[in-house]
Amino acid sequence: MRRAPLATAILLAILAPQALAQPPGGAIDATITLAPGSSPTVDAPAGMVRLNASEGGKEYLFDLRLDRDYTTLEIRADGFRLERARQLVPSLVVNQSEYPLFHDFPNERIWDVDGSANVFHANGTGDAIVLRLGIAGPRNVTLALTVDATPPEYTLGERQNMTHIGFYQETTTNELTLADLQVRRVGTEEWIQNPTPSYHVLQKFPVQGLDARTEYETRVVFVDWAGNLASTPITTFTTPAAPVVPIPAVRIVSPPANATLPAGAITIRAAVESNESPVRPDGVRLFFDLTEVSDDVDFDGNEVTYTPRTALLPGMHRVSVEATNELGGTGTARWSFHIGGGPESDTPFLSPFAAILALALAHALARRRGPPRSSA
């Protein structure tokens, strides 16, 4: 008895996409139909949509009187022979403080928008376009529908503020455009992208992260709302050398390099001198036994001090102190010292190599003496 409802459910699931693609009653508030060589036709409530002007099948202006928070329109354009549906560009004739373009909506059910916004969904082919618009209101506004099948025109500005790590550049276009300034080392294939975040007629590119004294090539790729592309010729440049910066002097204070000390409390000290550019506490790094130490390290502007919390094991211990000033110059001191076997021991702690050498010497001396003589 359950087979019939199940079959019905499967049939509904198959037919659901086609059913959803058609707007329910009242979902589309007005329809505009366009065709080259013909006057547009409008199916809308009285006074909502009025043709203002048309120009040779390239641009149409409609005055809209919207009395609700959100109004939906469907534009059907046949016979324009465009490459893609987005080459029929909708925009609002507004002042400079408002954004004239529509935002992409993920599906054709534009009446399901959460809140009021200016959105669009383009479908069909370049010869049979279905463009659905959602417009926030209430307001009186002019809608422009423009055929755009040409790439954007651009002006490429000069590189400015060139440093060893980057530069700044601007471009301008004759229409609202996305742009991407792409950079790569000469001889490599992958472009590093620097895209602009929104459509604009002025594009700004602060480029960072380059290497000093390196040859690069750049290009700028432009794309307008209709998807038309333009690209500048590839140009090359070489970043300048990194500036010479003063290097802090880091000097060992204690323990002395290669010293052998008795077991017990040890304090590590290093003096820092950087007269041309100060070193701040966060510019100091100390490594002890190849591990960076973050606690118990003090820097008073002149001396770095560090006292290990536990007694050091016998053997060799390594120290490295790095100091970086505000101009980016880094000075380093590296040294090692030894801890002997006990508090009273002044005997240097032998390294494994020295111990093996001593054993080999003792064995050679024993062989030279020969076997012990008999007393008989």
Protein backbone atom coordinates (compact mmCIF):
# COMPACT_ATOMS: atom_id res chain seq x y z
CA MET A 1 0.00 0.00 0.00
CA ARG A 2 3.05 2.35 0.45
CA ARG A 3 4.33 2.03 -3.13
CA ALA A 4 2.02 4.67 -4.61
CA PRO A 5 3.01 7.49 -2.20
CA LEU A 6 6.71 6.61 -2.68
CA ALA A 7 6.40 6.75 -6.48
CA THR A 8 4.59 10.07 -6.17
CA ALA A 9 7.40 11.44 -3.98
CA ILE A 10 10.05 10.35 -6.50
CA LEU A 11 8.11 11.95 -9.33
CA LEU A 12 7.80 15.21 -7.38
CA ALA A 13 11.51 15.16 -6.61
CA ILE A 14 12.31 14.77 -10.32
CA LEU A 15 9.95 17.54 -11.34
CA ALA A 16 10.81 19.91 -8.46
CA PRO A 17 13.71 21.76 -10.16
CA GLN A 18 11.57 22.56 -13.20
CA ALA A 19 8.74 23.70 -10.97
CA LEU A 20 10.99 25.94 -8.84
CA ALA A 21 12.47 27.52 -11.95
CA GLN A 22 9.06 29.09 -12.66
CA PRO A 23 8.16 32.02 -10.40
CA PRO A 24 5.06 31.58 -8.26
CA GLY A 25 2.21 33.99 -8.64
CA GLY A 26 3.38 37.49 -7.82
CA ALA A 27 7.08 36.56 -7.41
CA ILE A 28 8.06 38.62 -10.47
CA ASP A 29 6.51 42.10 -10.24
CA ALA A 30 7.27 43.31 -13.77
CA THR A 31 8.60 41.95 -17.05
CA ILE A 32 10.50 43.83 -19.78
CA THR A 33 11.06 42.29 -23.22
CA LEU A 34 13.79 43.59 -25.53
CA ALA A 35 14.70 42.82 -29.15
CA PRO A 36 16.96 44.67 -31.58
CA GLY A 37 15.00 46.93 -33.94
CA SER A 38 11.83 46.76 -31.83
CA SER A 39 10.38 48.92 -29.09
CA PRO A 40 10.55 47.31 -25.65
CA THR A 41 7.36 45.86 -24.22
CA VAL A 42 6.51 46.13 -20.56
CA ASP A 43 4.18 43.97 -18.47
CA ALA A 44 3.90 45.75 -15.10
CA PRO A 45 1.38 47.43 -12.81
CA ALA A 46 0.33 50.86 -14.01
CA GLY A 47 2.94 53.53 -13.36
CA MET A 48 5.67 51.14 -12.15
CA VAL A 49 7.86 50.96 -15.31
CA ARG A 50 8.09 53.58 -18.06
CA LEU A 51 10.50 53.66 -21.02
CA ASN A 52 12.55 56.84 -20.79
CA ALA A 53 14.88 56.45 -23.79
CA SER A 54 16.53 53.89 -26.05
CA GLU A 55 19.62 54.24 -28.20
CA GLY A 56 20.01 52.01 -31.25
CA GLY A 57 19.54 48.74 -29.42
CA LYS A 58 22.64 49.48 -27.29
CA GLU A 59 21.12 51.12 -24.22
CA TYR A 60 17.64 51.39 -22.69
CA LEU A 61 16.58 53.66 -19.83
CA PHE A 62 13.47 52.86 -17.75
CA ASP A 63 12.00 55.06 -15.02
CA LEU A 64 10.91 52.91 -12.08
CA ARG A 65 8.41 53.94 -9.43
CA LEU A 66 8.81 51.38 -6.63
CA ASP A 67 6.41 51.61 -3.70
CA ARG A 68 7.57 48.48 -1.80
CA ASP A 69 10.69 47.49 0.16
CA TYR A 70 11.71 45.03 -2.54
CA THR A 71 10.64 44.73 -6.18
CA THR A 72 11.56 42.04 -8.71
CA LEU A 73 11.93 42.47 -12.46
CA GLU A 74 12.55 40.01 -15.26
CA ILE A 75 14.24 41.19 -18.47
CA ARG A 76 13.98 38.96 -21.54
CA ALA A 77 16.31 39.91 -24.40
CA ASP A 78 16.27 37.96 -27.68
CA GLY A 79 18.38 38.33 -30.82
CA PHE A 80 21.27 40.43 -29.50
CA ARG A 81 23.88 37.79 -30.46
CA LEU A 82 26.15 38.40 -27.51
CA GLU A 83 28.82 36.00 -26.24
CA ARG A 84 27.20 35.66 -22.81
CA ALA A 85 24.13 36.82 -20.91
CA ARG A 86 26.12 39.16 -18.65
CA GLN A 87 26.94 41.39 -21.61
CA LEU A 88 23.51 42.91 -21.07
CA VAL A 89 24.48 45.04 -18.09
CA PRO A 90 21.90 46.40 -15.63
CA SER A 91 22.75 49.45 -13.54
CA LEU A 92 20.98 52.18 -11.62
CA VAL A 93 21.40 55.85 -12.48
CA VAL A 94 22.35 57.16 -9.03
CA ASN A 95 24.58 59.80 -7.48
CA GLN A 96 28.26 59.12 -6.73
CA SER A 97 27.58 58.11 -3.12
CA GLU A 98 25.56 55.05 -4.23
CA TYR A 99 26.77 51.85 -5.86
CA PRO A 100 25.15 51.57 -9.32
CA LEU A 101 25.81 47.89 -10.07
CA PHE A 102 23.89 44.81 -8.95
CA HIS A 103 25.28 42.07 -6.74
CA ASP A 104 25.31 38.48 -7.93
CA PHE A 105 22.57 36.27 -6.45
CA PRO A 106 23.32 32.51 -6.29
CA ASN A 107 20.10 31.30 -7.94
CA GLU A 108 17.23 32.56 -10.05
CA ARG A 109 14.75 32.71 -7.14
CA ILE A 110 15.60 36.36 -6.43
CA TRP A 111 12.32 36.80 -4.56
CA ASP A 112 13.83 34.63 -1.79
CA VAL A 113 16.39 37.30 -0.85
CA ASP A 114 16.92 37.82 2.90
CA GLY A 115 16.19 41.53 3.27
CA SER A 116 16.18 44.16 0.56
CA ALA A 117 19.18 44.55 -1.76
CA ASN A 118 20.04 45.24 -5.39
CA VAL A 119 20.75 41.77 -6.80
CA PHE A 120 20.69 40.02 -10.15
CA HIS A 121 20.75 36.57 -11.68
CA ALA A 122 21.64 36.09 -15.34
CA ASN A 123 20.62 32.99 -17.28
CA GLY A 124 20.26 31.78 -20.84
CA THR A 125 22.61 32.41 -23.75
CA GLY A 126 23.90 35.59 -25.36
CA ASP A 127 21.09 35.32 -27.92
CA ALA A 128 18.28 34.49 -25.47
CA ILE A 129 18.94 36.25 -22.17
CA VAL A 130 16.88 36.00 -19.00
CA LEU A 131 17.95 38.59 -16.47
CA ARG A 132 16.22 38.78 -13.10
CA LEU A 133 16.69 41.82 -10.86
CA GLY A 134 15.78 42.58 -7.28
CA ILE A 135 15.73 46.29 -6.36
CA ALA A 136 15.50 47.79 -2.88
CA GLY A 137 12.84 50.44 -2.29
CA PRO A 138 10.60 52.24 -1.94
CA ARG A 139 12.14 54.77 -4.34
CA ASN A 140 11.97 56.35 -7.77
CA VAL A 141 15.03 55.46 -9.81
CA THR A 142 16.16 55.00 -13.41
CA LEU A 143 17.26 51.54 -14.59
CA ALA A 144 19.81 51.36 -17.42
CA LEU A 145 20.19 48.23 -19.56
CA THR A 146 23.37 48.51 -21.62
CA VAL A 147 24.86 46.15 -24.19
CA ASP A 148 28.58 45.90 -23.34
CA ALA A 149 30.70 43.65 -25.56
CA THR A 150 33.95 45.67 -25.53
CA PRO A 151 36.92 45.37 -23.14
CA PRO A 152 37.50 48.18 -20.64
CA GLU A 153 39.89 50.97 -21.59
CA TYR A 154 42.66 51.65 -19.08
CA THR A 155 45.47 54.03 -18.18
CA LEU A 156 48.52 52.57 -16.45
CA GLY A 157 50.14 54.82 -13.85
CA GLU A 158 53.85 54.92 -12.99
CA ARG A 159 55.33 52.79 -10.24
CA GLN A 160 55.81 54.88 -7.13
CA ASN A 161 57.58 54.54 -3.77
CA MET A 162 59.85 51.79 -5.08
CA THR A 163 61.76 50.04 -2.28
CA HIS A 164 63.75 46.83 -2.04
CA ILE A 165 60.57 44.97 -0.98
CA GLY A 166 57.73 46.60 -2.95
CA PHE A 167 56.11 49.55 -4.72
CA TYR A 168 52.80 51.37 -5.20
CA GLN A 169 50.88 51.72 -8.48
CA GLU A 170 47.51 52.98 -9.69
CA THR A 171 45.41 52.39 -12.80
CA THR A 172 42.24 54.04 -14.09
CA THR A 173 39.52 52.70 -16.38
CA ASN A 174 36.67 54.19 -18.39
CA GLU A 175 34.10 52.02 -16.56
CA LEU A 176 33.66 50.22 -13.25
CA THR A 177 36.19 47.40 -13.36
CA LEU A 178 37.92 44.76 -11.26
CA ALA A 179 41.70 44.71 -11.73
CA ASP A 180 44.53 42.40 -10.75
CA LEU A 181 48.16 43.52 -10.74
CA GLN A 182 50.21 40.34 -11.17
CA VAL A 183 53.91 40.01 -10.33
CA ARG A 184 56.44 37.24 -10.87
CA ARG A 185 60.21 36.79 -10.95
CA VAL A 186 61.65 36.85 -14.43
CA GLY A 187 62.11 33.24 -15.54
CA THR A 188 59.28 31.79 -13.43
CA GLU A 189 55.79 30.81 -14.57
CA GLU A 190 53.44 31.50 -11.65
CA TRP A 191 51.96 34.98 -11.28
CA ILE A 192 51.42 36.38 -7.77
CA GLN A 193 48.01 38.08 -7.79
CA ASN A 194 47.02 41.40 -6.19
CA PRO A 195 43.30 41.80 -7.02
CA THR A 196 41.13 44.80 -6.15
CA PRO A 197 38.16 44.07 -3.85
CA SER A 198 35.37 45.84 -5.79
CA TYR A 199 34.43 47.41 -9.12
CA HIS A 200 35.84 50.93 -9.49
CA VAL A 201 37.28 53.34 -12.04
CA LEU A 202 40.40 53.87 -9.88
CA GLN A 203 42.43 50.84 -8.86
CA LYS A 204 45.16 51.02 -6.19
CA PHE A 205 47.92 48.42 -5.75
CA PRO A 206 50.25 48.48 -2.73
CA VAL A 207 52.63 45.61 -3.54
CA GLN A 208 54.89 44.11 -0.85
CA GLY A 209 56.93 40.97 -0.24
CA LEU A 210 59.51 41.31 -3.03
CA ASP A 211 63.22 40.48 -2.77
CA ALA A 212 65.98 43.06 -3.07
CA ARG A 213 68.09 43.29 -6.24
CA THR A 214 65.76 40.95 -8.14
CA GLU A 215 64.27 41.31 -11.64
CA TYR A 216 60.48 41.07 -11.79
CA GLU A 217 57.83 41.42 -14.48
CA THR A 218 54.29 42.70 -14.03
CA ARG A 219 51.00 43.00 -15.86
CA VAL A 220 47.51 44.23 -14.94
CA VAL A 221 44.42 42.25 -15.96
CA PHE A 222 41.07 44.08 -16.06
CA VAL A 223 37.57 42.57 -16.17
CA ASP A 224 34.34 44.57 -16.27
CA TRP A 225 30.89 43.54 -15.00
CA ALA A 226 30.07 41.97 -18.38
CA GLY A 227 33.16 39.72 -18.21
CA ASN A 228 35.12 41.56 -20.92
CA LEU A 229 38.89 41.27 -20.39
CA ALA A 230 41.80 43.61 -21.05
CA SER A 231 45.46 43.22 -20.11
CA THR A 232 48.45 45.54 -20.12
CA PRO A 233 51.71 44.55 -21.83
CA ILE A 234 54.24 42.82 -19.56
CA THR A 235 56.86 45.19 -18.17
CA THR A 236 60.01 44.43 -16.19
CA PHE A 237 61.85 46.17 -13.36
CA THR A 238 64.57 45.40 -10.83
CA THR A 239 64.16 46.09 -7.14
CA PRO A 240 66.92 48.19 -5.57
CA ALA A 241 69.43 46.85 -3.08
CA ALA A 242 68.41 46.71 0.53
CA PRO A 243 69.44 49.87 2.41
CA VAL A 244 72.54 49.75 4.58
CA VAL A 245 71.43 49.82 8.20
CA PRO A 246 73.54 50.14 11.36
CA ILE A 247 74.29 46.81 13.00
CA PRO A 248 74.17 46.55 16.79
CA ALA A 249 77.37 45.36 18.46
CA VAL A 250 76.74 42.40 20.76
CA ARG A 251 79.68 41.61 23.09
CA ILE A 252 80.17 38.60 25.37
CA VAL A 253 80.39 39.52 29.06
CA SER A 254 80.02 36.26 30.95
CA PRO A 255 80.78 33.44 31.10
CA PRO A 256 83.86 33.95 28.90
CA ALA A 257 83.93 31.99 25.65
CA ASN A 258 85.36 28.45 26.09
CA ALA A 259 85.61 28.87 29.86
CA THR A 260 85.30 25.88 32.19
CA LEU A 261 83.25 26.60 35.29
CA PRO A 262 82.36 24.63 38.40
CA ALA A 263 78.80 23.40 38.80
CA GLY A 264 76.53 25.93 40.41
CA ALA A 265 74.52 29.07 39.61
CA ILE A 266 75.46 30.65 36.29
CA THR A 267 74.36 34.03 34.88
CA ILE A 268 74.75 34.74 31.20
CA ARG A 269 75.45 38.35 30.20
CA ALA A 270 75.95 40.11 26.88
CA ALA A 271 76.43 43.84 26.25
CA VAL A 272 74.52 45.55 23.40
CA GLU A 273 75.61 48.79 21.75
CA SER A 274 73.47 50.44 19.05
CA ASN A 275 74.00 54.18 19.08
CA GLU A 276 72.42 55.01 15.69
CA SER A 277 69.19 53.11 16.28
CA PRO A 278 67.86 51.83 19.63
CA VAL A 279 67.22 48.19 20.44
CA ARG A 280 63.94 47.56 22.22
CA PRO A 281 63.34 44.63 24.59
CA ASP A 282 61.23 42.84 21.95
CA GLY A 283 64.20 43.08 19.59
CA VAL A 284 66.35 40.79 21.77
CA ARG A 285 66.41 37.00 21.41
CA LEU A 286 68.47 34.57 23.48
CA PHE A 287 69.07 30.92 22.61
CA PHE A 288 70.52 28.53 25.20
CA ASP A 289 71.58 25.05 24.14
CA LEU A 290 69.95 25.65 20.74
CA THR A 291 66.53 26.47 22.26
CA GLU A 292 65.06 29.98 22.38
CA VAL A 293 64.44 31.25 25.91
CA SER A 294 61.50 33.61 26.49
CA ASP A 295 61.29 33.67 30.29
CA ASP A 296 63.87 35.07 32.73
CA VAL A 297 65.60 37.10 30.00
CA ASP A 298 66.12 40.76 30.96
CA PHE A 299 67.33 43.68 28.84
CA ASP A 300 67.87 47.15 30.30
CA GLY A 301 68.88 48.79 27.03
CA ASN A 302 72.57 48.01 27.48
CA GLU A 303 72.92 44.45 28.79
CA VAL A 304 71.11 41.16 28.31
CA THR A 305 71.03 38.84 31.33
CA TYR A 306 69.73 35.32 31.80
CA THR A 307 70.04 32.99 34.81
CA PRO A 308 68.92 29.37 34.25
CA ARG A 309 66.52 28.22 36.95
CA THR A 310 68.20 24.84 37.46
CA ALA A 311 71.82 23.77 37.85
CA LEU A 312 73.52 23.04 34.56
CA LEU A 313 74.64 19.53 33.72
CA PRO A 314 78.37 18.89 33.23
CA GLY A 315 79.51 19.35 29.64
CA MET A 316 79.42 22.00 26.94
CA HIS A 317 76.66 24.62 26.80
CA ARG A 318 75.94 26.97 23.87
CA VAL A 319 74.66 30.57 23.94
CA SER A 320 73.44 32.84 21.14
CA VAL A 321 72.23 36.42 21.67
CA GLU A 322 70.59 38.39 18.84
CA ALA A 323 69.75 42.10 18.98
CA THR A 324 67.70 43.88 16.25
CA ASN A 325 67.40 47.67 16.25
CA GLU A 326 64.47 49.76 14.99
CA LEU A 327 66.06 50.12 11.53
CA GLY A 328 66.20 46.34 11.11
CA GLY A 329 69.92 45.82 11.69
CA THR A 330 70.74 42.61 13.61
CA GLY A 331 73.88 41.84 15.56
CA THR A 332 74.71 38.43 17.03
CA ALA A 333 77.12 36.92 19.54
CA ARG A 334 77.56 33.15 19.82
CA TRP A 335 79.79 31.29 22.23
CA SER A 336 80.06 28.18 24.39
CA PHE A 337 81.40 27.26 27.82
CA HIS A 338 81.83 24.10 29.87
CA ILE A 339 80.60 22.94 33.26
CA GLY A 340 83.00 20.67 35.16
CA GLY A 341 82.21 17.58 37.20
CA GLY A 342 81.57 19.20 40.58
CA PRO A 343 81.73 22.39 42.67
CA GLU A 344 85.41 21.87 43.67
CA SER A 345 86.64 20.66 40.30
CA ASP A 346 88.96 22.84 38.25
CA THR A 347 89.68 20.03 35.81
CA PRO A 348 88.28 20.70 32.35
CA PHE A 349 85.49 18.34 31.38
CA LEU A 350 86.85 16.16 28.55
CA SER A 351 84.89 15.96 25.37
CA PRO A 352 84.27 12.46 23.96
CA PHE A 353 86.98 13.06 21.31
CA ALA A 354 89.54 14.06 23.97
CA ALA A 355 88.70 11.02 26.09
CA ILE A 356 89.19 8.67 23.14
CA LEU A 357 92.49 10.38 22.32
CA ALA A 358 93.72 9.94 25.91
CA LEU A 359 92.82 6.23 25.92
CA ALA A 360 94.64 5.70 22.62
CA LEU A 361 97.75 7.46 23.95
CA ALA A 362 97.78 5.35 27.10
CA HIS A 363 97.46 2.17 25.02
CA ALA A 364 100.40 3.20 22.80
CA LEU A 365 102.63 3.92 25.80
CA ALA A 366 101.79 0.53 27.29
CA ARG A 367 102.83 -1.25 24.09
CA ARG A 368 106.19 0.59 24.00
CA ARG A 369 107.05 -0.55 27.53
CA GLY A 370 106.59 -4.17 26.48
CA PRO A 371 105.51 -7.08 28.72
CA PRO A 372 106.52 -6.96 32.42
CA ARG A 373 109.86 -8.62 33.23
CA SER A 374 110.07 -11.72 35.43
CA SER A 375 111.91 -11.37 38.76
CA ALA A 376 113.31 -14.86 38.43
